[in-house]
N, C-alpha and C. Protein backbone atom coordinates (compact mmCIF):
# COMPACT_ATOMS: atom_id res chain seq x y z
N MET A 1 -69.32 330.14 353.95
CA MET A 1 -68.26 330.64 353.10
C MET A 1 -67.36 329.46 352.69
N LEU A 2 -67.04 329.39 351.41
CA LEU A 2 -66.16 328.33 350.91
C LEU A 2 -64.72 328.58 351.30
N PRO A 3 -63.95 327.51 351.47
CA PRO A 3 -62.53 327.66 351.77
C PRO A 3 -61.80 328.37 350.63
N THR A 4 -60.70 329.01 350.96
CA THR A 4 -59.91 329.73 349.96
C THR A 4 -58.59 329.04 349.68
N LYS A 5 -58.29 327.98 350.43
CA LYS A 5 -57.03 327.25 350.27
C LYS A 5 -57.32 325.75 350.18
N PHE A 6 -56.31 325.01 349.76
CA PHE A 6 -56.46 323.58 349.54
C PHE A 6 -55.28 322.85 350.17
N THR A 7 -55.54 321.70 350.79
CA THR A 7 -54.46 320.88 351.35
C THR A 7 -54.72 319.42 351.03
N ILE A 8 -53.63 318.69 350.82
CA ILE A 8 -53.71 317.25 350.59
C ILE A 8 -53.06 316.56 351.77
N ARG A 9 -53.79 315.62 352.36
CA ARG A 9 -53.31 314.85 353.51
C ARG A 9 -53.12 313.40 353.05
N VAL A 10 -52.04 312.78 353.48
CA VAL A 10 -51.74 311.41 353.07
C VAL A 10 -51.54 310.57 354.33
N TYR A 11 -52.25 309.43 354.39
CA TYR A 11 -52.24 308.59 355.58
C TYR A 11 -51.87 307.16 355.24
N GLY A 12 -51.30 306.47 356.23
CA GLY A 12 -50.94 305.07 356.07
C GLY A 12 -51.77 304.19 356.97
N ILE A 13 -52.16 303.06 356.43
CA ILE A 13 -52.89 302.06 357.19
C ILE A 13 -51.94 300.89 357.38
N LEU A 14 -51.51 300.69 358.61
CA LEU A 14 -50.59 299.61 358.94
C LEU A 14 -51.33 298.58 359.79
N ILE A 15 -51.42 297.37 359.27
CA ILE A 15 -52.09 296.28 359.99
C ILE A 15 -51.05 295.22 360.29
N ASN A 16 -50.95 294.84 361.57
CA ASN A 16 -49.93 293.86 361.96
C ASN A 16 -50.47 292.42 361.84
N ASP A 17 -49.61 291.46 362.18
CA ASP A 17 -49.97 290.04 362.09
C ASP A 17 -51.10 289.65 363.03
N LYS A 18 -51.33 290.45 364.06
CA LYS A 18 -52.40 290.16 365.02
C LYS A 18 -53.73 290.75 364.58
N LYS A 19 -53.78 291.29 363.36
CA LYS A 19 -54.99 291.95 362.82
C LYS A 19 -55.37 293.16 363.66
N GLU A 20 -54.34 293.97 363.96
CA GLU A 20 -54.54 295.25 364.65
C GLU A 20 -54.08 296.35 363.70
N VAL A 21 -54.73 297.49 363.78
CA VAL A 21 -54.38 298.64 362.95
C VAL A 21 -53.75 299.72 363.84
N LEU A 22 -52.74 300.40 363.30
CA LEU A 22 -52.04 301.44 364.07
C LEU A 22 -52.82 302.74 363.99
N ILE A 23 -53.05 303.34 365.16
CA ILE A 23 -53.79 304.60 365.29
C ILE A 23 -52.89 305.60 366.01
N ALA A 24 -52.98 306.87 365.60
CA ALA A 24 -52.19 307.95 366.22
C ALA A 24 -53.14 308.91 366.94
N GLU A 25 -52.74 309.26 368.15
CA GLU A 25 -53.47 310.28 368.91
C GLU A 25 -52.55 311.49 369.00
N GLU A 26 -53.08 312.66 368.67
CA GLU A 26 -52.25 313.84 368.54
C GLU A 26 -53.03 315.08 368.97
N ILE A 27 -52.32 316.07 369.44
CA ILE A 27 -52.93 317.37 369.73
C ILE A 27 -52.60 318.28 368.55
N ILE A 28 -53.63 318.75 367.85
CA ILE A 28 -53.43 319.63 366.69
C ILE A 28 -54.14 320.95 367.00
N HIS A 29 -53.38 322.02 367.04
CA HIS A 29 -53.90 323.35 367.38
C HIS A 29 -54.73 323.32 368.66
N GLY A 30 -54.21 322.60 369.67
CA GLY A 30 -54.85 322.54 370.97
C GLY A 30 -56.02 321.58 371.06
N ARG A 31 -56.28 320.85 370.00
CA ARG A 31 -57.43 319.95 369.96
C ARG A 31 -56.96 318.50 369.85
N PRO A 32 -57.41 317.60 370.74
CA PRO A 32 -57.02 316.19 370.62
C PRO A 32 -57.72 315.54 369.43
N VAL A 33 -56.96 314.82 368.61
CA VAL A 33 -57.53 314.09 367.48
C VAL A 33 -56.96 312.67 367.46
N THR A 34 -57.76 311.76 366.97
CA THR A 34 -57.35 310.37 366.77
C THR A 34 -57.50 310.10 365.29
N LYS A 35 -56.41 309.58 364.68
CA LYS A 35 -56.38 309.45 363.23
C LYS A 35 -55.42 308.33 362.84
N PHE A 36 -55.37 308.05 361.56
CA PHE A 36 -54.34 307.16 361.04
C PHE A 36 -53.04 307.98 360.94
N PRO A 37 -51.89 307.35 361.10
CA PRO A 37 -50.62 308.09 360.96
C PRO A 37 -50.51 308.71 359.57
N GLY A 38 -50.06 309.94 359.53
CA GLY A 38 -49.90 310.63 358.26
C GLY A 38 -50.02 312.12 358.45
N GLY A 39 -50.01 312.84 357.35
CA GLY A 39 -50.09 314.29 357.44
C GLY A 39 -50.04 314.95 356.08
N GLY A 40 -49.63 316.21 356.08
CA GLY A 40 -49.73 317.04 354.90
C GLY A 40 -48.65 316.82 353.86
N LEU A 41 -49.09 316.80 352.62
CA LEU A 41 -48.20 316.72 351.47
C LEU A 41 -47.43 318.03 351.35
N GLU A 42 -46.12 317.92 351.17
CA GLU A 42 -45.28 319.11 351.01
C GLU A 42 -45.01 319.36 349.53
N LEU A 43 -44.78 320.60 349.18
CA LEU A 43 -44.46 320.94 347.79
C LEU A 43 -43.23 320.17 347.33
N GLY A 44 -43.28 319.64 346.11
CA GLY A 44 -42.17 318.89 345.56
C GLY A 44 -42.12 317.44 346.01
N GLU A 45 -43.15 316.98 346.70
CA GLU A 45 -43.17 315.64 347.27
C GLU A 45 -44.31 314.84 346.64
N GLY A 46 -44.07 313.58 346.32
CA GLY A 46 -45.13 312.70 345.85
C GLY A 46 -45.91 312.14 347.04
N THR A 47 -47.09 311.61 346.76
CA THR A 47 -47.94 311.13 347.86
C THR A 47 -47.33 309.92 348.58
N LYS A 48 -46.68 309.04 347.84
CA LYS A 48 -46.04 307.88 348.49
C LYS A 48 -44.86 308.33 349.34
N GLU A 49 -44.10 309.29 348.83
CA GLU A 49 -42.99 309.85 349.62
C GLU A 49 -43.52 310.49 350.89
N CYS A 50 -44.66 311.15 350.77
CA CYS A 50 -45.26 311.83 351.92
C CYS A 50 -45.61 310.84 353.02
N VAL A 51 -46.30 309.75 352.69
CA VAL A 51 -46.70 308.80 353.72
C VAL A 51 -45.46 308.13 354.33
N GLN A 52 -44.43 307.91 353.54
CA GLN A 52 -43.20 307.33 354.08
C GLN A 52 -42.53 308.30 355.05
N ARG A 53 -42.48 309.58 354.67
CA ARG A 53 -41.89 310.59 355.56
C ARG A 53 -42.69 310.73 356.84
N GLU A 54 -44.00 310.80 356.71
CA GLU A 54 -44.86 310.96 357.88
C GLU A 54 -44.72 309.77 358.83
N PHE A 55 -44.65 308.56 358.30
CA PHE A 55 -44.45 307.39 359.17
C PHE A 55 -43.11 307.45 359.87
N ARG A 56 -42.08 307.86 359.13
CA ARG A 56 -40.75 307.99 359.74
C ARG A 56 -40.80 309.01 360.88
N GLU A 57 -41.47 310.14 360.65
CA GLU A 57 -41.55 311.19 361.67
C GLU A 57 -42.40 310.76 362.87
N GLU A 58 -43.51 310.09 362.61
CA GLU A 58 -44.46 309.77 363.69
C GLU A 58 -44.15 308.47 364.42
N THR A 59 -43.51 307.50 363.72
CA THR A 59 -43.29 306.19 364.33
C THR A 59 -41.81 305.82 364.45
N GLY A 60 -40.96 306.51 363.71
CA GLY A 60 -39.54 306.16 363.69
C GLY A 60 -39.24 304.97 362.79
N GLN A 61 -40.24 304.50 362.05
CA GLN A 61 -40.08 303.32 361.20
C GLN A 61 -40.13 303.68 359.72
N GLU A 62 -39.35 302.92 358.94
CA GLU A 62 -39.42 303.02 357.48
C GLU A 62 -40.54 302.09 357.01
N VAL A 63 -41.38 302.60 356.11
CA VAL A 63 -42.44 301.77 355.55
C VAL A 63 -42.35 301.77 354.03
N SER A 64 -42.92 300.73 353.46
CA SER A 64 -43.09 300.70 352.01
C SER A 64 -44.59 300.77 351.75
N VAL A 65 -44.93 301.33 350.60
CA VAL A 65 -46.33 301.45 350.23
C VAL A 65 -46.72 300.18 349.49
N ALA A 66 -47.70 299.46 350.03
CA ALA A 66 -48.14 298.21 349.42
C ALA A 66 -49.18 298.46 348.33
N GLU A 67 -50.16 299.33 348.65
CA GLU A 67 -51.21 299.61 347.67
C GLU A 67 -52.02 300.83 348.08
N HIS A 68 -52.64 301.45 347.08
CA HIS A 68 -53.58 302.54 347.34
C HIS A 68 -54.84 301.93 347.93
N PHE A 69 -55.39 302.57 348.96
CA PHE A 69 -56.60 302.05 349.58
C PHE A 69 -57.82 302.91 349.27
N TYR A 70 -57.65 304.24 349.38
CA TYR A 70 -58.81 305.12 349.21
C TYR A 70 -58.35 306.56 349.05
N THR A 71 -59.06 307.30 348.20
CA THR A 71 -58.91 308.75 348.10
C THR A 71 -60.30 309.34 348.31
N THR A 72 -60.38 310.36 349.14
CA THR A 72 -61.70 310.94 349.42
C THR A 72 -62.38 311.35 348.12
N ASP A 73 -63.67 311.08 348.07
CA ASP A 73 -64.45 311.40 346.88
C ASP A 73 -65.65 312.28 347.24
N PHE A 74 -65.50 313.00 348.34
CA PHE A 74 -66.53 313.94 348.77
C PHE A 74 -65.85 315.20 349.32
N TYR A 75 -66.59 316.28 349.35
CA TYR A 75 -66.06 317.57 349.81
C TYR A 75 -65.82 317.52 351.32
N ILE A 76 -64.64 318.02 351.72
CA ILE A 76 -64.32 318.12 353.14
C ILE A 76 -63.75 319.52 353.41
N GLN A 77 -64.38 320.21 354.32
CA GLN A 77 -63.82 321.46 354.82
C GLN A 77 -63.06 321.12 356.09
N SER A 78 -61.86 321.64 356.22
CA SER A 78 -61.02 321.32 357.37
C SER A 78 -61.72 321.66 358.68
N GLN A 79 -61.67 320.70 359.62
CA GLN A 79 -62.21 320.93 360.96
C GLN A 79 -61.23 321.75 361.79
N ILE A 80 -59.96 321.71 361.41
CA ILE A 80 -58.92 322.43 362.14
C ILE A 80 -58.83 323.88 361.69
N ASN A 81 -58.88 324.10 360.38
CA ASN A 81 -58.78 325.45 359.82
C ASN A 81 -59.78 325.57 358.68
N PRO A 82 -60.95 326.18 358.93
CA PRO A 82 -62.04 326.22 357.95
C PRO A 82 -61.73 326.93 356.63
N GLU A 83 -60.60 327.62 356.55
CA GLU A 83 -60.29 328.25 355.26
C GLU A 83 -59.65 327.26 354.27
N TYR A 84 -59.51 325.99 354.70
CA TYR A 84 -58.93 324.96 353.83
C TYR A 84 -59.97 323.91 353.43
N GLN A 85 -59.91 323.52 352.15
CA GLN A 85 -60.58 322.31 351.69
C GLN A 85 -59.53 321.20 351.77
N VAL A 86 -59.95 320.00 352.17
CA VAL A 86 -59.02 318.90 352.39
C VAL A 86 -59.32 317.75 351.43
N MET A 87 -58.26 317.18 350.87
CA MET A 87 -58.35 315.92 350.14
C MET A 87 -57.44 314.94 350.85
N CYS A 88 -57.91 313.71 351.06
CA CYS A 88 -57.13 312.71 351.79
C CYS A 88 -56.88 311.49 350.93
N ILE A 89 -55.66 310.98 351.01
CA ILE A 89 -55.26 309.78 350.28
C ILE A 89 -54.75 308.78 351.32
N TYR A 90 -55.21 307.53 351.21
CA TYR A 90 -54.84 306.48 352.15
C TYR A 90 -54.14 305.34 351.41
N TYR A 91 -53.04 304.89 351.99
CA TYR A 91 -52.30 303.76 351.45
C TYR A 91 -52.18 302.66 352.51
N ILE A 92 -52.19 301.42 352.07
CA ILE A 92 -51.81 300.31 352.93
C ILE A 92 -50.28 300.32 352.93
N VAL A 93 -49.68 300.30 354.12
CA VAL A 93 -48.22 300.32 354.22
C VAL A 93 -47.73 299.09 354.98
N ARG A 94 -46.47 298.76 354.77
CA ARG A 94 -45.81 297.65 355.47
C ARG A 94 -44.50 298.16 356.05
N CYS A 95 -44.15 297.69 357.24
CA CYS A 95 -42.86 298.05 357.83
C CYS A 95 -41.75 297.36 357.05
N LYS A 96 -40.65 298.09 356.81
CA LYS A 96 -39.52 297.53 356.10
C LYS A 96 -38.66 296.65 357.00
N THR A 97 -38.77 296.82 358.31
CA THR A 97 -38.00 296.01 359.25
C THR A 97 -38.97 295.29 360.17
N SER A 98 -38.44 294.37 360.93
CA SER A 98 -39.29 293.64 361.87
C SER A 98 -39.34 294.34 363.24
N ALA A 99 -38.69 295.50 363.33
CA ALA A 99 -38.69 296.24 364.60
C ALA A 99 -40.12 296.61 364.99
N LEU A 100 -40.39 296.53 366.26
CA LEU A 100 -41.71 296.87 366.76
C LEU A 100 -41.87 298.38 366.85
N ILE A 101 -43.04 298.85 366.52
CA ILE A 101 -43.34 300.27 366.67
C ILE A 101 -43.70 300.50 368.13
N GLU A 102 -43.03 301.46 368.74
CA GLU A 102 -43.31 301.77 370.14
C GLU A 102 -44.67 302.44 370.26
N VAL A 103 -45.50 301.87 371.09
CA VAL A 103 -46.82 302.45 371.30
C VAL A 103 -46.92 302.94 372.74
N ASN A 104 -47.89 303.82 372.94
CA ASN A 104 -48.16 304.40 374.26
C ASN A 104 -46.98 305.18 374.82
N THR A 105 -46.04 305.56 373.95
CA THR A 105 -44.92 306.41 374.35
C THR A 105 -45.01 307.68 373.53
N PRO A 106 -45.45 308.78 374.12
CA PRO A 106 -45.60 310.01 373.33
C PRO A 106 -44.29 310.40 372.64
N LYS A 107 -44.38 310.71 371.36
CA LYS A 107 -43.24 311.17 370.56
C LYS A 107 -43.71 312.39 369.78
N ASP A 108 -43.08 313.52 370.03
CA ASP A 108 -43.44 314.74 369.31
C ASP A 108 -44.95 315.00 369.36
N ASN A 109 -45.53 314.86 370.54
CA ASN A 109 -46.95 315.17 370.74
C ASN A 109 -47.88 314.12 370.12
N ILE A 110 -47.34 312.95 369.78
CA ILE A 110 -48.14 311.88 369.18
C ILE A 110 -48.00 310.62 370.02
N THR A 111 -49.13 309.98 370.31
CA THR A 111 -49.14 308.69 370.98
C THR A 111 -49.73 307.67 370.02
N LEU A 112 -49.03 306.55 369.84
CA LEU A 112 -49.49 305.50 368.94
C LEU A 112 -50.10 304.37 369.74
N ARG A 113 -51.10 303.71 369.15
CA ARG A 113 -51.66 302.52 369.78
C ARG A 113 -52.21 301.60 368.71
N TRP A 114 -52.21 300.31 369.04
CA TRP A 114 -52.78 299.30 368.16
C TRP A 114 -54.23 299.07 368.56
N VAL A 115 -55.11 298.99 367.57
CA VAL A 115 -56.52 298.69 367.82
C VAL A 115 -56.87 297.44 367.02
N ALA A 116 -57.38 296.42 367.72
CA ALA A 116 -57.80 295.20 367.03
C ALA A 116 -58.90 295.53 366.04
N LEU A 117 -58.83 294.94 364.86
CA LEU A 117 -59.87 295.18 363.86
C LEU A 117 -61.24 294.80 364.40
N THR A 118 -61.29 293.83 365.31
CA THR A 118 -62.57 293.44 365.91
C THR A 118 -63.11 294.51 366.85
N ASP A 119 -62.23 295.39 367.34
CA ASP A 119 -62.64 296.48 368.24
C ASP A 119 -62.76 297.83 367.52
N LEU A 120 -62.39 297.85 366.25
CA LEU A 120 -62.38 299.10 365.50
C LEU A 120 -63.81 299.54 365.17
N HIS A 121 -64.08 300.81 365.37
CA HIS A 121 -65.36 301.39 364.96
C HIS A 121 -65.12 302.86 364.64
N GLU A 122 -66.00 303.44 363.86
CA GLU A 122 -65.75 304.77 363.34
C GLU A 122 -65.69 305.86 364.41
N ASP A 123 -66.25 305.64 365.57
CA ASP A 123 -66.20 306.65 366.62
C ASP A 123 -64.81 306.77 367.25
N ILE A 124 -63.92 305.83 366.95
CA ILE A 124 -62.56 305.90 367.49
C ILE A 124 -61.79 307.06 366.86
N VAL A 125 -62.05 307.34 365.57
CA VAL A 125 -61.29 308.36 364.85
C VAL A 125 -62.06 309.68 364.80
N SER A 126 -61.31 310.77 364.59
CA SER A 126 -61.90 312.11 364.68
C SER A 126 -62.43 312.67 363.36
N PHE A 127 -61.78 312.34 362.26
CA PHE A 127 -62.09 312.99 360.99
C PHE A 127 -63.03 312.15 360.13
N GLU A 128 -63.90 312.83 359.39
CA GLU A 128 -64.89 312.14 358.56
C GLU A 128 -64.24 311.21 357.54
N SER A 129 -63.14 311.63 356.94
CA SER A 129 -62.47 310.77 355.96
C SER A 129 -61.96 309.49 356.63
N ASP A 130 -61.43 309.61 357.84
CA ASP A 130 -60.98 308.41 358.58
C ASP A 130 -62.15 307.50 358.93
N LYS A 131 -63.29 308.08 359.24
CA LYS A 131 -64.49 307.29 359.54
C LYS A 131 -64.89 306.46 358.31
N THR A 132 -64.78 307.07 357.13
CA THR A 132 -65.08 306.36 355.89
C THR A 132 -64.12 305.19 355.72
N VAL A 133 -62.84 305.41 355.98
CA VAL A 133 -61.83 304.36 355.85
C VAL A 133 -62.08 303.24 356.86
N VAL A 134 -62.47 303.58 358.08
CA VAL A 134 -62.79 302.56 359.08
C VAL A 134 -63.93 301.68 358.57
N ARG A 135 -64.97 302.30 358.03
CA ARG A 135 -66.10 301.51 357.50
C ARG A 135 -65.63 300.58 356.38
N MET A 136 -64.75 301.07 355.53
CA MET A 136 -64.22 300.25 354.43
C MET A 136 -63.38 299.10 354.97
N LEU A 137 -62.55 299.37 355.97
CA LEU A 137 -61.74 298.32 356.57
C LEU A 137 -62.61 297.24 357.21
N LEU A 138 -63.65 297.67 357.89
CA LEU A 138 -64.54 296.71 358.54
C LEU A 138 -65.22 295.80 357.53
N LYS A 139 -65.62 296.36 356.38
CA LYS A 139 -66.21 295.55 355.32
C LYS A 139 -65.20 294.54 354.78
N GLN A 140 -63.98 294.99 354.59
CA GLN A 140 -62.94 294.16 354.00
C GLN A 140 -62.50 293.02 354.93
N PHE A 141 -62.48 293.28 356.24
CA PHE A 141 -61.94 292.30 357.18
C PHE A 141 -63.01 291.56 357.98
N LYS A 142 -64.25 291.60 357.53
CA LYS A 142 -65.31 290.84 358.23
C LYS A 142 -65.12 289.37 358.04
């Protein structure tokens, strides 16, 4: 059965000076997931505003959007709620301050961690769209 609803998810890819990417671990509807920081687009909100809000909520940091990285170009049915079709948009983001993002300290059911690009592989993340982004990052940073 095809989904009857649609959702847009917006994620940020933050890479630090040590060539590590920020990953979020979260419990969503009782299920542990590992993903890039980000979340659902709200009505009346642009995609860049969404990723900035999500980073503020999940990391406590203000980010700027550096560039668009990827928008899903294949059909995705939500793994969390099958009545939704999902579209995902990914941006490269930069921290506006030099403050360090606290990792390994759960905040609002989210734990953040840095993963070295040399250790990054698609099995680290839970969602198919994130796996695609990991493959793209690995190609870009080889």
